[in-house]
Amino acid sequence: IGVPQLTQERRDDLVKVVKKLAEEGRVSIRTVRRDANDHLKKIEKEGHISEDNMHDAHKDVQNMTDKYIAEIDKFLEAKEKELHKI
């Protein structure tokens, strides 16, 4: 069965869908970051970790957040190029 080529309009619609999914992924990652930071504050208040360790852990959480958001952006860019390729 032959499948017709995508029209430019349909390609643009698919790019919008991919961008929406990427943004949902970014929001999910930020939610996890917020939850992790809240947990770190809680255990620091309970006295289980020092303020310095909490600060280091916050940096680690932020670094992981940045890493995974960059991966989402990289995949988004690749998928956009793929969809616009004729």
N, C-alpha and C. Protein backbone atom coordinates (compact mmCIF):
# COMPACT_ATOMS: atom_id res chain seq x y z
N ILE A 1 0.86 -1.17 0.00
CA ILE A 1 0.00 0.00 0.00
C ILE A 1 0.90 1.23 0.00
N GLY A 2 0.66 2.10 -0.93
CA GLY A 2 1.44 3.33 -1.01
C GLY A 2 0.92 4.37 -0.03
N VAL A 3 1.85 5.02 0.63
CA VAL A 3 1.49 6.06 1.59
C VAL A 3 1.87 7.40 0.98
N PRO A 4 0.92 8.33 0.87
CA PRO A 4 1.24 9.61 0.25
C PRO A 4 2.20 10.44 1.13
N GLN A 5 2.95 11.31 0.48
CA GLN A 5 3.86 12.19 1.20
C GLN A 5 3.06 13.15 2.08
N LEU A 6 3.68 13.59 3.18
CA LEU A 6 3.04 14.56 4.06
C LEU A 6 3.02 15.93 3.39
N THR A 7 1.93 16.64 3.59
CA THR A 7 1.88 18.01 3.10
C THR A 7 2.63 18.91 4.07
N GLN A 8 2.99 20.09 3.60
CA GLN A 8 3.70 21.03 4.47
C GLN A 8 2.84 21.42 5.66
N GLU A 9 1.55 21.56 5.44
CA GLU A 9 0.64 21.91 6.53
C GLU A 9 0.63 20.81 7.61
N ARG A 10 0.59 19.58 7.18
CA ARG A 10 0.59 18.44 8.13
C ARG A 10 1.92 18.36 8.86
N ARG A 11 3.01 18.63 8.15
CA ARG A 11 4.33 18.65 8.79
C ARG A 11 4.37 19.71 9.89
N ASP A 12 3.84 20.89 9.59
CA ASP A 12 3.81 21.97 10.59
C ASP A 12 2.97 21.57 11.79
N ASP A 13 1.85 20.89 11.56
CA ASP A 13 1.02 20.42 12.66
C ASP A 13 1.77 19.41 13.53
N LEU A 14 2.51 18.52 12.88
CA LEU A 14 3.28 17.52 13.63
C LEU A 14 4.40 18.18 14.43
N VAL A 15 5.01 19.22 13.89
CA VAL A 15 6.05 19.95 14.62
C VAL A 15 5.44 20.58 15.88
N LYS A 16 4.24 21.13 15.75
CA LYS A 16 3.56 21.72 16.91
C LYS A 16 3.31 20.66 17.98
N VAL A 17 2.90 19.48 17.56
CA VAL A 17 2.65 18.38 18.51
C VAL A 17 3.95 17.99 19.21
N VAL A 18 5.03 17.90 18.45
CA VAL A 18 6.32 17.52 19.03
C VAL A 18 6.79 18.59 20.02
N LYS A 19 6.60 19.85 19.68
CA LYS A 19 7.00 20.94 20.59
C LYS A 19 6.18 20.89 21.87
N LYS A 20 4.90 20.58 21.74
CA LYS A 20 4.04 20.48 22.93
C LYS A 20 4.53 19.33 23.83
N LEU A 21 4.85 18.20 23.23
CA LEU A 21 5.35 17.06 24.02
C LEU A 21 6.67 17.39 24.69
N ALA A 22 7.54 18.12 23.98
CA ALA A 22 8.82 18.52 24.56
C ALA A 22 8.60 19.44 25.76
N GLU A 23 7.67 20.37 25.63
CA GLU A 23 7.40 21.29 26.74
C GLU A 23 6.83 20.52 27.94
N GLU A 24 5.97 19.54 27.68
CA GLU A 24 5.44 18.72 28.77
C GLU A 24 6.57 17.97 29.47
N GLY A 25 7.53 17.50 28.70
CA GLY A 25 8.69 16.83 29.28
C GLY A 25 9.51 17.77 30.15
N ARG A 26 9.72 19.00 29.67
CA ARG A 26 10.46 20.00 30.46
C ARG A 26 9.74 20.31 31.77
N VAL A 27 8.42 20.46 31.68
CA VAL A 27 7.64 20.76 32.88
C VAL A 27 7.75 19.60 33.88
N SER A 28 7.70 18.37 33.38
CA SER A 28 7.83 17.21 34.26
C SER A 28 9.18 17.20 34.96
N ILE A 29 10.22 17.51 34.22
CA ILE A 29 11.56 17.54 34.81
C ILE A 29 11.64 18.63 35.87
N ARG A 30 11.07 19.78 35.59
CA ARG A 30 11.08 20.87 36.58
C ARG A 30 10.28 20.51 37.83
N THR A 31 9.21 19.76 37.64
CA THR A 31 8.42 19.31 38.79
C THR A 31 9.23 18.37 39.67
N VAL A 32 9.96 17.47 39.05
CA VAL A 32 10.82 16.56 39.80
C VAL A 32 11.90 17.35 40.54
N ARG A 33 12.45 18.37 39.87
CA ARG A 33 13.46 19.22 40.52
C ARG A 33 12.88 19.90 41.76
N ARG A 34 11.68 20.46 41.61
CA ARG A 34 11.05 21.13 42.74
C ARG A 34 10.81 20.16 43.90
N ASP A 35 10.32 18.96 43.57
CA ASP A 35 10.07 17.96 44.61
C ASP A 35 11.38 17.55 45.30
N ALA A 36 12.44 17.38 44.52
CA ALA A 36 13.74 17.01 45.09
C ALA A 36 14.25 18.11 46.00
N ASN A 37 14.14 19.35 45.57
CA ASN A 37 14.61 20.47 46.40
C ASN A 37 13.78 20.59 47.68
N ASP A 38 12.48 20.37 47.59
CA ASP A 38 11.64 20.39 48.78
C ASP A 38 12.05 19.29 49.75
N HIS A 39 12.34 18.12 49.21
CA HIS A 39 12.77 17.00 50.05
C HIS A 39 14.11 17.33 50.73
N LEU A 40 15.02 17.94 49.98
CA LEU A 40 16.31 18.31 50.56
C LEU A 40 16.14 19.32 51.69
N LYS A 41 15.26 20.30 51.50
CA LYS A 41 15.01 21.29 52.55
C LYS A 41 14.44 20.61 53.80
N LYS A 42 13.54 19.65 53.58
CA LYS A 42 12.91 18.95 54.69
C LYS A 42 13.95 18.18 55.50
N ILE A 43 14.81 17.41 54.81
CA ILE A 43 15.78 16.61 55.58
C ILE A 43 16.87 17.49 56.19
N GLU A 44 17.10 18.65 55.61
CA GLU A 44 18.06 19.57 56.22
C GLU A 44 17.48 20.16 57.50
N LYS A 45 16.19 20.48 57.48
CA LYS A 45 15.53 21.01 58.68
C LYS A 45 15.49 19.96 59.79
N GLU A 46 15.36 18.69 59.40
CA GLU A 46 15.35 17.61 60.38
C GLU A 46 16.74 17.32 60.93
N GLY A 47 17.76 17.92 60.32
CA GLY A 47 19.11 17.75 60.81
C GLY A 47 19.84 16.54 60.27
N HIS A 48 19.33 15.94 59.20
CA HIS A 48 19.97 14.76 58.63
C HIS A 48 21.15 15.09 57.73
N ILE A 49 21.13 16.30 57.15
CA ILE A 49 22.27 16.74 56.34
C ILE A 49 22.62 18.17 56.71
N SER A 50 23.86 18.53 56.45
CA SER A 50 24.31 19.90 56.76
C SER A 50 23.86 20.86 55.66
N GLU A 51 23.99 22.14 55.95
CA GLU A 51 23.61 23.16 54.98
C GLU A 51 24.53 23.09 53.74
N ASP A 52 25.80 22.82 53.96
CA ASP A 52 26.74 22.69 52.84
C ASP A 52 26.37 21.51 51.95
N ASN A 53 26.03 20.38 52.57
CA ASN A 53 25.62 19.21 51.78
C ASN A 53 24.34 19.49 51.02
N MET A 54 23.42 20.23 51.65
CA MET A 54 22.17 20.57 50.97
C MET A 54 22.47 21.46 49.77
N HIS A 55 23.37 22.42 49.95
CA HIS A 55 23.73 23.31 48.84
C HIS A 55 24.35 22.52 47.69
N ASP A 56 25.24 21.58 48.01
CA ASP A 56 25.85 20.74 46.98
C ASP A 56 24.79 19.88 46.28
N ALA A 57 23.85 19.36 47.05
CA ALA A 57 22.80 18.53 46.47
C ALA A 57 21.90 19.36 45.55
N HIS A 58 21.62 20.61 45.95
CA HIS A 58 20.84 21.50 45.08
C HIS A 58 21.56 21.71 43.75
N LYS A 59 22.86 21.89 43.81
CA LYS A 59 23.64 22.06 42.58
C LYS A 59 23.56 20.81 41.71
N ASP A 60 23.67 19.64 42.33
CA ASP A 60 23.58 18.38 41.60
C ASP A 60 22.21 18.23 40.93
N VAL A 61 21.17 18.56 41.66
CA VAL A 61 19.81 18.47 41.11
C VAL A 61 19.67 19.43 39.93
N GLN A 62 20.20 20.65 40.07
CA GLN A 62 20.11 21.62 38.97
C GLN A 62 20.91 21.16 37.76
N ASN A 63 22.08 20.59 38.00
CA ASN A 63 22.89 20.08 36.89
C ASN A 63 22.18 18.96 36.13
N MET A 64 21.54 18.05 36.87
CA MET A 64 20.78 16.98 36.23
C MET A 64 19.60 17.55 35.45
N THR A 65 18.93 18.54 36.03
CA THR A 65 17.80 19.18 35.36
C THR A 65 18.26 19.79 34.04
N ASP A 66 19.35 20.54 34.09
CA ASP A 66 19.88 21.18 32.88
C ASP A 66 20.26 20.13 31.83
N LYS A 67 20.86 19.04 32.27
CA LYS A 67 21.30 17.98 31.36
C LYS A 67 20.11 17.37 30.61
N TYR A 68 19.06 17.04 31.35
CA TYR A 68 17.92 16.38 30.72
C TYR A 68 17.07 17.33 29.88
N ILE A 69 17.01 18.58 30.27
CA ILE A 69 16.31 19.56 29.44
C ILE A 69 17.08 19.77 28.14
N ALA A 70 18.41 19.79 28.22
CA ALA A 70 19.22 19.90 27.00
C ALA A 70 19.00 18.70 26.09
N GLU A 71 18.86 17.51 26.66
CA GLU A 71 18.59 16.32 25.85
C GLU A 71 17.24 16.43 25.15
N ILE A 72 16.24 16.92 25.85
CA ILE A 72 14.93 17.12 25.23
C ILE A 72 15.04 18.10 24.08
N ASP A 73 15.77 19.20 24.30
CA ASP A 73 15.94 20.20 23.24
C ASP A 73 16.66 19.60 22.02
N LYS A 74 17.66 18.75 22.29
CA LYS A 74 18.41 18.11 21.19
C LYS A 74 17.48 17.19 20.39
N PHE A 75 16.68 16.39 21.08
CA PHE A 75 15.76 15.49 20.40
C PHE A 75 14.69 16.28 19.64
N LEU A 76 14.23 17.37 20.22
CA LEU A 76 13.23 18.21 19.56
C LEU A 76 13.79 18.77 18.26
N GLU A 77 15.01 19.27 18.30
CA GLU A 77 15.63 19.82 17.10
C GLU A 77 15.78 18.76 16.01
N ALA A 78 16.23 17.57 16.42
CA ALA A 78 16.40 16.48 15.45
C ALA A 78 15.05 16.08 14.83
N LYS A 79 14.02 16.02 15.64
CA LYS A 79 12.70 15.62 15.14
C LYS A 79 12.14 16.69 14.21
N GLU A 80 12.35 17.96 14.54
CA GLU A 80 11.89 19.04 13.65
C GLU A 80 12.57 18.94 12.29
N LYS A 81 13.89 18.71 12.29
CA LYS A 81 14.61 18.56 11.02
C LYS A 81 14.07 17.37 10.23
N GLU A 82 13.81 16.28 10.94
CA GLU A 82 13.29 15.08 10.27
C GLU A 82 11.93 15.34 9.65
N LEU A 83 11.07 16.06 10.37
CA LEU A 83 9.74 16.33 9.85
C LEU A 83 9.74 17.30 8.67
N HIS A 84 10.69 18.25 8.67
CA HIS A 84 10.75 19.21 7.58
C HIS A 84 11.52 18.70 6.37
N LYS A 85 12.17 17.56 6.55
CA LYS A 85 12.92 16.96 5.44
C LYS A 85 11.93 16.41 4.41
N ILE A 86 12.14 16.77 3.18
CA ILE A 86 11.20 16.35 2.13
C ILE A 86 11.76 15.14 1.39
